[in-house]
Amino acid sequence: MPPDPAGFERVVMAAGQPVVMRGLCAHWPVVVAARQSPECLREEIMRHATDRQGQAFRGRRDLRGHYFYKGEALDGFNFERVNLTIGQAFDEIFASVVDVTRDTFYMGSLAADIFLPGFADDNNVPMLPRHVVPRLWIGNASNVACHYDSTDNIACVVAGRRRFTLYPPDAIGDLYVGPIDNTMAGQPVSLAAVAAPGDARFPRFEAARSRALTVELAPGDALYLPKLWWHQVEATEPFNVLVNYWWDGFATGPDNPQTMMMLAMIAIADRPLAERAAWRAYFDHYVFRLEGHPLAHVPPGQHGILGPLAGGMYGRIRAMLMQRLRGG
């Protein structure tokens, strides 16, 4: 595994495939503490923790950690959102381990620079740029709905075990994705991935099921997930801790592809089929460039705004777009 960010981008990220990295974080102080006991792990994490509150999910025991929509109408959720400090979350999670009649808890996406100052210095991934912030996820057994991230992701198991079920980006049409703006935690989820086999509501899902990849991770193991890969994440033990990193190694500037996709939705999605097909051809030519650079037949000095983004074209195009969006 390349130990530096440039090598990791060139060898692993550019391939766009998930990669399991066994033992990548086995030496971390938090993983070493977890091997001793949950209490030792708590002590190691609390050494960095602040008193800031974050959002946690609280669900009935019979949900078995499957936090999801409340019913087919998708007009509510089957859990309650509560605000807790990390210390309070540990209290609730540990109490649920001991008393199997209690509600279960799941608390995630706790940015280390806000909730755990100094954590990143002791527990780091060498192939990531130093500015990438780790995030902590703690909870009882849980089954996180199948979703995608619009950035790349390295997930590192600290305590418990994790089962990832993965689907490639082009399976999106077979996954029966729910609303974009009415979600559990920000990302749309597959409605079919948790349905019983043969559910008549989701006939296309069988095609996705046959393409699924399943990965089991133990403490110290890590998984690299390229952006847009769908993943369902099961924490299979009563007490679980995971650390992940989100970043975009190929960003040229502050704009991200998902924002551009949403802009394209309002500009193109409701146009007639023939016009959408025409615009698709232009996107393929100018954006996706499956046949190479659209001005390969023209001298580089005449490429204009199709010149290298790193050579100043990024700012020029962005300024043009901002002017047009303002109506100029």
Protein backbone atom coordinates (compact mmCIF):
# COMPACT_ATOMS: atom_id res chain seq x y z
CA MET A 1 0.00 0.00 0.00
CA PRO A 2 1.56 3.36 -0.99
CA PRO A 3 2.47 5.22 2.23
CA ASP A 4 2.12 8.74 0.84
CA PRO A 5 -0.93 10.71 -0.44
CA ALA A 6 0.37 11.06 -4.01
CA GLY A 7 1.07 7.35 -4.34
CA PHE A 8 -2.26 6.40 -2.81
CA GLU A 9 -4.11 8.66 -5.27
CA ARG A 10 -2.17 7.27 -8.24
CA VAL A 11 -2.28 3.56 -7.36
CA VAL A 12 -5.50 3.09 -5.37
CA MET A 13 -7.89 6.02 -5.79
CA ALA A 14 -7.54 6.38 -9.56
CA ALA A 15 -8.72 2.77 -9.99
CA GLY A 16 -12.08 3.62 -8.38
CA GLN A 17 -12.46 0.25 -6.61
CA PRO A 18 -12.91 -0.56 -2.90
CA VAL A 19 -9.80 -1.87 -1.17
CA VAL A 20 -9.58 -3.74 2.16
CA MET A 21 -6.50 -2.82 4.21
CA ARG A 22 -6.05 -5.44 6.91
CA GLY A 23 -4.32 -4.19 10.06
CA LEU A 24 -3.88 -0.64 8.76
CA CYS A 25 -4.72 0.92 12.13
CA ALA A 26 -3.92 -2.01 14.43
CA HIS A 27 -1.17 0.05 16.10
CA TRP A 28 -3.42 2.98 17.01
CA PRO A 29 -3.64 3.72 20.75
CA VAL A 30 -7.45 3.47 20.58
CA VAL A 31 -7.29 0.03 18.94
CA VAL A 32 -4.72 -1.17 21.49
CA ALA A 33 -6.98 0.10 24.28
CA ALA A 34 -10.01 -1.60 22.72
CA ARG A 35 -8.20 -4.95 22.81
CA GLN A 36 -7.92 -4.56 26.59
CA SER A 37 -11.55 -3.68 27.33
CA PRO A 38 -14.36 -1.31 26.39
CA GLU A 39 -13.60 0.64 29.56
CA CYS A 40 -9.97 1.13 28.53
CA LEU A 41 -11.11 2.34 25.12
CA ARG A 42 -13.51 4.78 26.70
CA GLU A 43 -10.73 6.13 28.90
CA GLU A 44 -8.44 6.59 25.88
CA ILE A 45 -11.13 8.43 23.88
CA MET A 46 -12.24 10.57 26.83
CA ARG A 47 -8.64 11.71 27.22
CA HIS A 48 -9.32 13.88 24.14
CA ALA A 49 -13.05 14.52 24.47
CA THR A 50 -14.60 17.93 24.97
CA ASP A 51 -17.98 18.67 26.58
CA ARG A 52 -19.52 19.65 23.27
CA GLN A 53 -22.79 17.93 22.44
CA GLY A 54 -23.47 16.07 19.21
CA GLN A 55 -26.54 14.40 17.78
CA ALA A 56 -27.27 10.76 18.56
CA PHE A 57 -29.99 8.35 17.41
CA ARG A 58 -32.03 6.62 20.10
CA GLY A 59 -34.13 3.63 19.04
CA ARG A 60 -36.23 0.90 20.58
CA ARG A 61 -34.42 -2.35 21.28
CA ASP A 62 -36.65 -4.28 18.87
CA LEU A 63 -35.36 -2.17 15.96
CA ARG A 64 -32.00 -3.93 16.37
CA GLY A 65 -30.23 -0.73 15.41
CA HIS A 66 -31.98 -0.46 12.05
CA TYR A 67 -32.57 3.30 11.96
CA PHE A 68 -34.86 3.99 9.02
CA TYR A 69 -38.11 5.54 7.85
CA LYS A 70 -41.16 4.88 10.01
CA GLY A 71 -43.34 3.43 7.24
CA GLU A 72 -43.95 3.21 3.52
CA ALA A 73 -45.18 6.81 3.44
CA LEU A 74 -41.63 7.94 4.33
CA ASP A 75 -43.12 10.77 6.40
CA GLY A 76 -41.18 10.11 9.60
CA PHE A 77 -38.40 8.06 11.19
CA ASN A 78 -38.40 5.13 13.61
CA PHE A 79 -35.93 6.75 16.02
CA GLU A 80 -35.49 9.84 18.17
CA ARG A 81 -32.70 12.40 17.81
CA VAL A 82 -31.06 13.44 21.09
CA ASN A 83 -28.11 15.67 21.93
CA LEU A 84 -25.35 14.14 24.05
CA THR A 85 -21.71 14.67 24.93
CA ILE A 86 -19.36 11.81 24.09
CA GLY A 87 -19.22 10.91 27.78
CA GLN A 88 -23.01 10.77 28.01
CA ALA A 89 -23.17 8.67 24.85
CA PHE A 90 -20.75 6.16 26.35
CA ASP A 91 -22.92 5.97 29.48
CA GLU A 92 -26.03 5.21 27.44
CA ILE A 93 -24.29 2.73 25.13
CA PHE A 94 -22.67 0.82 27.99
CA ALA A 95 -25.97 0.73 29.91
CA SER A 96 -27.66 -0.77 26.84
CA VAL A 97 -24.98 -3.48 26.67
CA VAL A 98 -25.72 -4.52 30.25
CA ASP A 99 -29.51 -4.12 30.19
CA VAL A 100 -31.00 -5.68 27.05
CA THR A 101 -34.37 -4.06 27.72
CA ARG A 102 -33.04 -0.52 27.24
CA ASP A 103 -33.12 1.56 24.07
CA THR A 104 -30.03 1.47 21.88
CA PHE A 105 -27.89 4.42 20.77
CA TYR A 106 -25.83 5.42 17.76
CA MET A 107 -23.73 8.58 17.59
CA GLY A 108 -21.60 9.45 14.59
CA SER A 109 -19.73 11.90 12.42
CA LEU A 110 -17.98 13.48 15.41
CA ALA A 111 -15.24 15.60 13.85
CA ALA A 112 -12.03 15.14 15.84
CA ASP A 113 -10.95 18.77 15.58
CA ILE A 114 -14.18 19.80 17.37
CA PHE A 115 -15.00 16.88 19.66
CA LEU A 116 -11.59 15.20 20.16
CA PRO A 117 -8.68 17.69 19.91
CA GLY A 118 -5.36 15.85 19.65
CA PHE A 119 -6.97 12.54 18.62
CA ALA A 120 -5.69 12.82 15.05
CA ASP A 121 -2.10 13.20 16.22
CA ASP A 122 -2.19 9.85 18.03
CA ASN A 123 -4.31 7.95 15.50
CA ASN A 124 -3.57 8.74 11.87
CA VAL A 125 -3.50 7.20 8.40
CA PRO A 126 -0.16 7.95 6.69
CA MET A 127 -1.45 7.98 3.11
CA LEU A 128 -3.90 10.82 3.79
CA PRO A 129 -3.12 14.54 3.63
CA ARG A 130 -2.67 15.92 7.14
CA HIS A 131 -5.62 18.32 6.78
CA VAL A 132 -8.14 15.46 6.47
CA VAL A 133 -10.13 15.31 9.72
CA PRO A 134 -11.03 11.92 11.29
CA ARG A 135 -14.57 11.37 12.56
CA LEU A 136 -15.69 9.11 15.38
CA TRP A 137 -18.72 6.77 15.32
CA ILE A 138 -19.83 4.92 18.48
CA GLY A 139 -22.88 2.85 19.30
CA ASN A 140 -24.59 -0.41 20.06
CA ALA A 141 -25.27 -2.92 17.29
CA SER A 142 -26.63 -1.07 14.27
CA ASN A 143 -27.55 -1.45 10.63
CA VAL A 144 -26.92 1.79 8.74
CA ALA A 145 -29.05 2.07 5.61
CA CYS A 146 -27.40 1.63 2.23
CA HIS A 147 -26.19 5.04 1.03
CA TYR A 148 -23.35 6.70 -0.86
CA ASP A 149 -20.88 9.47 -0.03
CA SER A 150 -19.92 12.18 -2.48
CA THR A 151 -16.34 12.10 -1.19
CA ASP A 152 -13.81 9.31 -0.83
CA ASN A 153 -13.85 7.42 2.44
CA ILE A 154 -11.49 5.36 4.59
CA ALA A 155 -13.31 3.54 7.40
CA CYS A 156 -11.17 2.16 10.25
CA VAL A 157 -12.64 -0.31 12.75
CA VAL A 158 -11.57 0.37 16.34
CA ALA A 159 -13.88 -1.90 18.36
CA GLY A 160 -16.47 -4.51 17.44
CA ARG A 161 -16.82 -5.82 13.92
CA ARG A 162 -18.26 -4.18 10.79
CA ARG A 163 -19.93 -5.80 7.80
CA PHE A 164 -20.03 -3.65 4.66
CA THR A 165 -22.32 -4.59 1.78
CA LEU A 166 -21.21 -2.68 -1.31
CA TYR A 167 -22.86 -1.86 -4.64
CA PRO A 168 -21.14 -0.04 -7.53
CA PRO A 169 -22.29 3.46 -8.52
CA ASP A 170 -24.04 2.27 -11.69
CA ALA A 171 -26.40 0.11 -9.59
CA ILE A 172 -28.28 3.26 -8.53
CA GLY A 173 -31.30 2.53 -10.74
CA ASP A 174 -31.72 -0.94 -9.21
CA LEU A 175 -31.54 0.27 -5.59
CA TYR A 176 -34.81 2.24 -5.50
CA VAL A 177 -33.34 5.29 -3.82
CA GLY A 178 -35.46 7.35 -1.44
CA PRO A 179 -35.84 11.14 -1.19
CA ILE A 180 -32.79 13.36 -1.59
CA ASP A 181 -33.87 15.97 0.97
CA ASN A 182 -35.74 13.86 3.56
CA THR A 183 -33.05 11.58 4.95
CA MET A 184 -31.80 10.08 8.20
CA ALA A 185 -28.39 11.73 8.13
CA GLY A 186 -28.01 13.79 4.96
CA GLN A 187 -27.59 11.17 2.24
CA PRO A 188 -30.40 9.43 0.31
CA VAL A 189 -30.72 5.71 1.03
CA SER A 190 -31.78 2.59 -0.82
CA LEU A 191 -35.31 1.48 0.05
CA ALA A 192 -34.77 -1.95 -1.49
CA ALA A 193 -31.53 -3.01 0.20
CA VAL A 194 -33.30 -3.82 3.48
CA ALA A 195 -36.38 -5.40 1.90
CA ALA A 196 -37.01 -9.12 1.98
CA PRO A 197 -35.82 -11.07 -1.09
CA GLY A 198 -38.43 -11.06 -3.84
CA ASP A 199 -40.27 -7.97 -2.55
CA ALA A 200 -42.66 -7.11 -5.39
CA ARG A 201 -42.13 -3.37 -4.86
CA PHE A 202 -38.51 -3.60 -5.99
CA PRO A 203 -38.24 -6.05 -8.91
CA ARG A 204 -35.01 -4.55 -10.27
CA PHE A 205 -33.15 -4.98 -6.97
CA GLU A 206 -32.36 -8.62 -7.70
CA ALA A 207 -29.94 -7.40 -10.38
CA ALA A 208 -28.14 -5.27 -7.77
CA ARG A 209 -28.18 -8.05 -5.18
CA SER A 210 -26.25 -10.32 -7.53
CA ARG A 211 -23.51 -7.66 -7.84
CA ALA A 212 -23.15 -6.97 -4.11
CA LEU A 213 -19.75 -7.28 -2.44
CA THR A 214 -19.60 -8.15 1.26
CA VAL A 215 -16.61 -7.21 3.41
CA GLU A 216 -16.05 -8.20 7.05
CA LEU A 217 -13.72 -6.01 9.09
CA ALA A 218 -12.17 -6.72 12.49
CA PRO A 219 -10.60 -4.17 14.86
CA GLY A 220 -7.52 -2.67 13.21
CA ASP A 221 -8.81 -3.27 9.68
CA ALA A 222 -9.77 -0.50 7.26
CA LEU A 223 -11.72 -0.16 4.03
CA TYR A 224 -11.16 2.39 1.27
CA LEU A 225 -14.45 3.30 -0.40
CA PRO A 226 -14.33 5.41 -3.57
CA LYS A 227 -16.88 8.18 -3.77
CA LEU A 228 -20.37 7.20 -5.02
CA TRP A 229 -20.06 3.52 -4.04
CA TRP A 230 -23.20 2.45 -2.19
CA HIS A 231 -22.62 0.83 1.19
CA GLN A 232 -24.75 -0.68 3.92
CA VAL A 233 -22.84 -0.81 7.23
CA GLU A 234 -23.66 -3.27 10.00
CA ALA A 235 -22.02 -3.02 13.42
CA THR A 236 -22.55 -6.55 14.63
CA GLU A 237 -21.49 -6.46 18.30
CA PRO A 238 -23.18 -4.80 21.32
CA PHE A 239 -20.45 -2.11 21.50
CA ASN A 240 -18.77 -0.70 18.40
CA VAL A 241 -16.41 2.15 17.51
CA LEU A 242 -15.30 3.24 14.06
CA VAL A 243 -13.16 6.13 12.79
CA ASN A 244 -13.53 7.38 9.23
CA TYR A 245 -12.03 10.00 6.93
CA TRP A 246 -13.85 11.86 4.16
CA TRP A 247 -11.95 13.84 1.55
CA ASP A 248 -11.78 14.53 -2.18
CA GLY A 249 -8.31 13.84 -3.45
CA PHE A 250 -9.08 15.07 -6.96
CA ALA A 251 -10.76 18.40 -6.19
CA THR A 252 -9.38 21.32 -8.17
CA GLY A 253 -11.31 23.93 -6.17
CA PRO A 254 -14.23 24.36 -3.76
CA ASP A 255 -16.96 23.18 -6.15
CA ASN A 256 -18.08 19.57 -5.90
CA PRO A 257 -19.71 17.31 -8.50
CA GLN A 258 -22.88 16.74 -6.48
CA THR A 259 -23.64 20.47 -6.46
CA MET A 260 -23.13 20.55 -10.21
CA MET A 261 -25.46 17.57 -10.63
CA MET A 262 -28.21 19.36 -8.71
CA LEU A 263 -27.75 22.45 -10.88
CA ALA A 264 -28.05 20.22 -13.95
CA MET A 265 -31.26 18.75 -12.51
CA ILE A 266 -33.02 22.11 -12.50
CA ALA A 267 -31.58 23.08 -15.88
CA ILE A 268 -32.12 19.83 -17.81
CA ALA A 269 -34.19 17.16 -16.03
CA ASP A 270 -37.66 18.45 -17.06
CA ARG A 271 -36.83 19.10 -20.71
CA PRO A 272 -38.19 16.80 -23.47
CA LEU A 273 -36.55 13.43 -23.92
CA ALA A 274 -35.00 14.36 -27.28
CA GLU A 275 -33.42 17.49 -25.83
CA ARG A 276 -32.13 15.60 -22.78
CA ALA A 277 -30.52 13.08 -25.12
CA ALA A 278 -28.87 15.92 -27.03
CA TRP A 279 -27.48 17.48 -23.87
CA ARG A 280 -26.22 14.05 -22.79
CA ALA A 281 -24.12 13.92 -25.95
CA TYR A 282 -22.64 17.31 -25.13
CA PHE A 283 -21.92 16.31 -21.52
CA ASP A 284 -20.22 13.15 -22.77
CA HIS A 285 -18.11 15.23 -25.16
CA TYR A 286 -17.12 18.16 -22.94
CA VAL A 287 -17.36 16.77 -19.41
CA PHE A 288 -16.92 12.99 -19.38
CA ARG A 289 -14.54 12.96 -22.36
CA LEU A 290 -14.69 9.23 -23.04
CA GLU A 291 -12.97 9.83 -26.39
CA GLY A 292 -10.33 12.17 -25.05
CA HIS A 293 -9.96 15.94 -24.88
CA PRO A 294 -12.61 17.74 -26.98
CA LEU A 295 -9.99 20.02 -28.56
CA ALA A 296 -7.24 17.48 -29.13
CA HIS A 297 -7.29 18.46 -32.81
CA VAL A 298 -6.62 22.15 -32.02
CA PRO A 299 -3.25 23.66 -31.00
CA PRO A 300 -3.02 23.86 -27.16
CA GLY A 301 -2.63 27.62 -27.32
CA GLN A 302 -6.14 27.85 -28.72
CA HIS A 303 -7.86 25.68 -26.10
CA GLY A 304 -9.15 28.72 -24.21
CA ILE A 305 -11.31 27.77 -21.23
CA LEU A 306 -10.81 24.12 -22.13
CA GLY A 307 -7.17 24.47 -21.16
CA PRO A 308 -5.74 22.93 -17.95
CA LEU A 309 -7.83 23.84 -14.91
CA ALA A 310 -4.72 24.06 -12.79
CA GLY A 311 -3.32 26.59 -15.24
CA GLY A 312 -5.86 29.25 -14.28
CA MET A 313 -8.90 28.06 -16.20
CA TYR A 314 -10.71 26.95 -13.04
CA GLY A 315 -11.01 30.51 -11.75
CA ARG A 316 -11.92 31.88 -15.17
CA ILE A 317 -14.74 29.38 -15.72
CA ARG A 318 -16.01 29.82 -12.17
CA ALA A 319 -16.19 33.59 -12.59
CA MET A 320 -18.15 33.14 -15.82
CA LEU A 321 -20.60 30.80 -14.12
CA MET A 322 -21.11 33.04 -11.11
CA GLN A 323 -21.86 35.97 -13.42
CA ARG A 324 -24.42 33.91 -15.35
CA LEU A 325 -26.06 32.60 -12.18
CA ARG A 326 -26.45 36.17 -10.99
CA GLY A 327 -28.19 36.96 -14.26
CA GLY A 328 -25.30 38.90 -15.78
